[in-house]
Amino acid sequence: MTTTASTAASAPERATLEERLLAFIHTELLAPGETITRDDDLLSDLLDSVAVLRLATYVDEEFGLTTKPQDFVVENFQSVAVLAGYVERARAASA
């Protein structure tokens, strides 16, 4: 039962995390009028290398993290949903 309560409690937090990431990407990294969803592939023609670095800097500053070189991989930055998972794991590991 504890697992279910924990999972239910984290769903709104996860949604908020994804909303914050999407808001930053829409306002700071995409061209006006461009939109993405939580599952769109950020690394296939949406964001260039400079934009990905800006996103990583935002994640570190906004969520109090330090992205380690070994964590700066495609698997952690593929989409907003994947990135939110990385942020959750990194926050849990630093707690």
N, C-alpha and C. Protein backbone atom coordinates (compact mmCIF):
# COMPACT_ATOMS: atom_id res chain seq x y z
N MET A 1 0.81 -1.20 0.00
CA MET A 1 0.00 0.00 0.00
C MET A 1 0.85 1.26 0.00
N THR A 2 1.94 1.24 0.69
CA THR A 2 2.81 2.40 0.73
C THR A 2 3.31 2.74 -0.67
N THR A 3 3.65 1.73 -1.45
CA THR A 3 4.12 1.95 -2.81
C THR A 3 3.05 2.64 -3.65
N THR A 4 1.81 2.21 -3.53
CA THR A 4 0.73 2.82 -4.30
C THR A 4 0.54 4.28 -3.90
N ALA A 5 0.54 4.56 -2.61
CA ALA A 5 0.39 5.94 -2.15
C ALA A 5 1.54 6.79 -2.63
N SER A 6 2.75 6.25 -2.58
CA SER A 6 3.92 6.98 -3.04
C SER A 6 3.84 7.28 -4.53
N THR A 7 3.40 6.29 -5.31
CA THR A 7 3.27 6.46 -6.75
C THR A 7 2.20 7.51 -7.06
N ALA A 8 1.08 7.44 -6.38
CA ALA A 8 0.00 8.40 -6.60
C ALA A 8 0.43 9.80 -6.23
N ALA A 9 1.19 9.93 -5.16
CA ALA A 9 1.65 11.24 -4.72
C ALA A 9 2.66 11.83 -5.70
N SER A 10 3.44 10.99 -6.38
CA SER A 10 4.47 11.51 -7.26
C SER A 10 3.95 11.88 -8.65
N ALA A 11 2.77 11.40 -9.03
CA ALA A 11 2.23 11.70 -10.35
C ALA A 11 2.02 13.20 -10.57
N PRO A 12 1.39 13.93 -9.64
CA PRO A 12 1.24 15.38 -9.85
C PRO A 12 2.59 16.10 -9.87
N GLU A 13 3.51 15.65 -9.02
CA GLU A 13 4.83 16.27 -9.00
C GLU A 13 5.54 16.04 -10.33
N ARG A 14 5.42 14.84 -10.89
CA ARG A 14 6.04 14.53 -12.18
C ARG A 14 5.44 15.40 -13.28
N ALA A 15 4.12 15.59 -13.25
CA ALA A 15 3.45 16.43 -14.25
C ALA A 15 3.93 17.86 -14.15
N THR A 16 4.08 18.36 -12.94
CA THR A 16 4.57 19.73 -12.73
C THR A 16 5.99 19.87 -13.24
N LEU A 17 6.82 18.90 -12.96
CA LEU A 17 8.20 18.89 -13.44
C LEU A 17 8.24 18.95 -14.96
N GLU A 18 7.43 18.13 -15.61
CA GLU A 18 7.38 18.14 -17.07
C GLU A 18 6.87 19.47 -17.60
N GLU A 19 5.88 20.05 -16.93
CA GLU A 19 5.35 21.36 -17.36
C GLU A 19 6.42 22.44 -17.27
N ARG A 20 7.21 22.42 -16.22
CA ARG A 20 8.30 23.39 -16.08
C ARG A 20 9.34 23.24 -17.17
N LEU A 21 9.69 21.99 -17.48
CA LEU A 21 10.65 21.74 -18.55
C LEU A 21 10.09 22.19 -19.90
N LEU A 22 8.84 21.83 -20.18
CA LEU A 22 8.21 22.24 -21.44
C LEU A 22 8.13 23.76 -21.56
N ALA A 23 7.79 24.44 -20.47
CA ALA A 23 7.69 25.90 -20.50
C ALA A 23 9.04 26.52 -20.84
N PHE A 24 10.11 26.03 -20.23
CA PHE A 24 11.45 26.56 -20.53
C PHE A 24 11.80 26.32 -21.99
N ILE A 25 11.58 25.12 -22.45
CA ILE A 25 11.92 24.80 -23.84
C ILE A 25 11.13 25.66 -24.81
N HIS A 26 9.83 25.81 -24.57
CA HIS A 26 9.00 26.62 -25.46
C HIS A 26 9.42 28.08 -25.46
N THR A 27 9.71 28.64 -24.30
CA THR A 27 10.02 30.08 -24.24
C THR A 27 11.46 30.41 -24.57
N GLU A 28 12.38 29.48 -24.29
CA GLU A 28 13.80 29.81 -24.44
C GLU A 28 14.54 29.11 -25.59
N LEU A 29 14.03 27.97 -26.02
CA LEU A 29 14.82 27.18 -26.97
C LEU A 29 14.19 26.97 -28.34
N LEU A 30 12.89 27.09 -28.42
CA LEU A 30 12.22 26.87 -29.71
C LEU A 30 11.92 28.18 -30.40
N ALA A 31 11.78 28.12 -31.70
CA ALA A 31 11.38 29.28 -32.48
C ALA A 31 9.92 29.62 -32.16
N PRO A 32 9.55 30.88 -32.28
CA PRO A 32 8.15 31.26 -32.01
C PRO A 32 7.20 30.42 -32.87
N GLY A 33 6.15 29.94 -32.23
CA GLY A 33 5.15 29.14 -32.93
C GLY A 33 5.44 27.65 -32.93
N GLU A 34 6.68 27.25 -32.64
CA GLU A 34 7.01 25.83 -32.56
C GLU A 34 6.51 25.28 -31.24
N THR A 35 6.01 24.06 -31.27
CA THR A 35 5.58 23.41 -30.05
C THR A 35 6.07 21.97 -30.03
N ILE A 36 6.17 21.43 -28.84
CA ILE A 36 6.53 20.03 -28.65
C ILE A 36 5.66 19.45 -27.55
N THR A 37 5.66 18.14 -27.48
CA THR A 37 4.97 17.45 -26.40
C THR A 37 6.01 16.76 -25.52
N ARG A 38 5.56 16.17 -24.46
CA ARG A 38 6.46 15.53 -23.51
C ARG A 38 7.23 14.36 -24.12
N ASP A 39 6.71 13.77 -25.18
CA ASP A 39 7.33 12.58 -25.77
C ASP A 39 8.10 12.85 -27.06
N ASP A 40 8.10 14.08 -27.53
CA ASP A 40 8.83 14.39 -28.77
C ASP A 40 10.34 14.23 -28.55
N ASP A 41 11.01 13.75 -29.58
CA ASP A 41 12.45 13.55 -29.54
C ASP A 41 13.14 14.91 -29.64
N LEU A 42 13.73 15.36 -28.54
CA LEU A 42 14.37 16.67 -28.50
C LEU A 42 15.64 16.72 -29.33
N LEU A 43 16.26 15.59 -29.53
CA LEU A 43 17.58 15.57 -30.16
C LEU A 43 17.56 15.30 -31.65
N SER A 44 16.38 15.08 -32.20
CA SER A 44 16.31 14.86 -33.64
C SER A 44 15.75 16.12 -34.31
N ASP A 45 16.61 17.04 -34.56
CA ASP A 45 16.30 18.27 -35.29
C ASP A 45 15.53 19.33 -34.49
N LEU A 46 15.15 19.07 -33.25
CA LEU A 46 14.46 20.10 -32.46
C LEU A 46 15.45 21.02 -31.77
N LEU A 47 16.43 20.45 -31.10
CA LEU A 47 17.41 21.25 -30.36
C LEU A 47 18.81 21.00 -30.91
N ASP A 48 19.54 22.08 -31.10
CA ASP A 48 20.94 21.92 -31.50
C ASP A 48 21.80 21.76 -30.25
N SER A 49 23.09 21.59 -30.42
CA SER A 49 23.98 21.30 -29.29
C SER A 49 24.00 22.45 -28.28
N VAL A 50 23.93 23.68 -28.74
CA VAL A 50 23.92 24.82 -27.83
C VAL A 50 22.63 24.82 -27.01
N ALA A 51 21.52 24.52 -27.65
CA ALA A 51 20.24 24.47 -26.93
C ALA A 51 20.24 23.36 -25.89
N VAL A 52 20.85 22.22 -26.20
CA VAL A 52 20.93 21.13 -25.23
C VAL A 52 21.77 21.55 -24.03
N LEU A 53 22.86 22.26 -24.28
CA LEU A 53 23.68 22.77 -23.17
C LEU A 53 22.90 23.77 -22.33
N ARG A 54 22.13 24.63 -22.97
CA ARG A 54 21.29 25.57 -22.23
C ARG A 54 20.25 24.84 -21.40
N LEU A 55 19.68 23.77 -21.95
CA LEU A 55 18.71 22.96 -21.22
C LEU A 55 19.36 22.30 -20.01
N ALA A 56 20.54 21.76 -20.18
CA ALA A 56 21.25 21.13 -19.06
C ALA A 56 21.56 22.16 -17.98
N THR A 57 21.96 23.35 -18.37
CA THR A 57 22.23 24.42 -17.40
C THR A 57 20.97 24.80 -16.65
N TYR A 58 19.86 24.92 -17.37
CA TYR A 58 18.57 25.21 -16.74
C TYR A 58 18.22 24.13 -15.72
N VAL A 59 18.36 22.88 -16.10
CA VAL A 59 18.03 21.76 -15.21
C VAL A 59 18.87 21.85 -13.94
N ASP A 60 20.16 22.09 -14.09
CA ASP A 60 21.03 22.19 -12.92
C ASP A 60 20.62 23.34 -12.01
N GLU A 61 20.40 24.51 -12.59
CA GLU A 61 20.07 25.68 -11.79
C GLU A 61 18.67 25.61 -11.20
N GLU A 62 17.71 25.19 -11.97
CA GLU A 62 16.31 25.17 -11.54
C GLU A 62 16.03 24.10 -10.49
N PHE A 63 16.71 22.97 -10.60
CA PHE A 63 16.41 21.85 -9.73
C PHE A 63 17.55 21.53 -8.76
N GLY A 64 18.54 22.40 -8.69
CA GLY A 64 19.62 22.23 -7.72
C GLY A 64 20.49 21.01 -7.96
N LEU A 65 20.74 20.71 -9.22
CA LEU A 65 21.53 19.53 -9.57
C LEU A 65 22.87 19.94 -10.16
N THR A 66 23.76 18.98 -10.26
CA THR A 66 24.99 19.12 -11.01
C THR A 66 25.04 17.93 -11.95
N THR A 67 24.78 18.17 -13.22
CA THR A 67 24.80 17.08 -14.20
C THR A 67 26.24 16.64 -14.39
N LYS A 68 26.50 15.41 -14.04
CA LYS A 68 27.84 14.85 -14.16
C LYS A 68 28.09 14.48 -15.62
N PRO A 69 29.34 14.51 -16.05
CA PRO A 69 29.64 14.17 -17.45
C PRO A 69 29.05 12.82 -17.88
N GLN A 70 29.08 11.83 -17.00
CA GLN A 70 28.54 10.52 -17.36
C GLN A 70 27.02 10.53 -17.48
N ASP A 71 26.36 11.55 -16.93
CA ASP A 71 24.90 11.67 -17.04
C ASP A 71 24.47 12.49 -18.26
N PHE A 72 25.40 13.17 -18.87
CA PHE A 72 25.09 14.00 -20.03
C PHE A 72 25.12 13.13 -21.28
N VAL A 73 24.08 12.28 -21.38
CA VAL A 73 23.98 11.32 -22.48
C VAL A 73 22.59 11.42 -23.11
N VAL A 74 22.50 10.93 -24.32
CA VAL A 74 21.25 10.96 -25.06
C VAL A 74 20.11 10.34 -24.26
N GLU A 75 20.39 9.26 -23.57
CA GLU A 75 19.34 8.55 -22.83
C GLU A 75 18.69 9.41 -21.75
N ASN A 76 19.34 10.44 -21.27
CA ASN A 76 18.76 11.31 -20.24
C ASN A 76 18.12 12.57 -20.81
N PHE A 77 18.38 12.89 -22.06
CA PHE A 77 17.88 14.13 -22.66
C PHE A 77 17.04 13.90 -23.91
N GLN A 78 16.61 12.68 -24.13
CA GLN A 78 15.89 12.32 -25.35
C GLN A 78 14.55 13.05 -25.51
N SER A 79 13.80 13.17 -24.42
CA SER A 79 12.49 13.82 -24.46
C SER A 79 12.24 14.48 -23.11
N VAL A 80 11.20 15.27 -23.03
CA VAL A 80 10.85 15.90 -21.76
C VAL A 80 10.50 14.84 -20.73
N ALA A 81 9.77 13.82 -21.13
CA ALA A 81 9.41 12.75 -20.20
C ALA A 81 10.65 12.04 -19.66
N VAL A 82 11.59 11.75 -20.53
CA VAL A 82 12.83 11.09 -20.12
C VAL A 82 13.66 12.02 -19.24
N LEU A 83 13.75 13.27 -19.60
CA LEU A 83 14.51 14.24 -18.82
C LEU A 83 13.91 14.40 -17.42
N ALA A 84 12.60 14.42 -17.32
CA ALA A 84 11.94 14.51 -16.01
C ALA A 84 12.31 13.30 -15.15
N GLY A 85 12.38 12.13 -15.75
CA GLY A 85 12.80 10.94 -15.03
C GLY A 85 14.22 11.06 -14.53
N TYR A 86 15.10 11.61 -15.37
CA TYR A 86 16.49 11.83 -14.96
C TYR A 86 16.54 12.79 -13.77
N VAL A 87 15.79 13.88 -13.85
CA VAL A 87 15.78 14.87 -12.76
C VAL A 87 15.30 14.21 -11.47
N GLU A 88 14.25 13.42 -11.53
CA GLU A 88 13.75 12.72 -10.34
C GLU A 88 14.81 11.80 -9.75
N ARG A 89 15.47 11.04 -10.60
CA ARG A 89 16.53 10.11 -10.12
C ARG A 89 17.69 10.88 -9.52
N ALA A 90 18.11 11.95 -10.17
CA ALA A 90 19.24 12.73 -9.69
C ALA A 90 18.92 13.41 -8.36
N ARG A 91 17.70 13.92 -8.24
CA ARG A 91 17.28 14.53 -6.97
C ARG A 91 17.25 13.50 -5.85
N ALA A 92 16.73 12.33 -6.14
CA ALA A 92 16.67 11.27 -5.13
C ALA A 92 18.07 10.83 -4.70
N ALA A 93 18.98 10.75 -5.65
CA ALA A 93 20.35 10.32 -5.35
C ALA A 93 21.09 11.35 -4.51
N SER A 94 20.75 12.63 -4.67
CA SER A 94 21.46 13.66 -3.91
C SER A 94 20.80 13.94 -2.57
N ALA A 95 19.65 13.33 -2.32
CA ALA A 95 18.96 13.57 -1.04
C ALA A 95 19.53 12.76 0.08
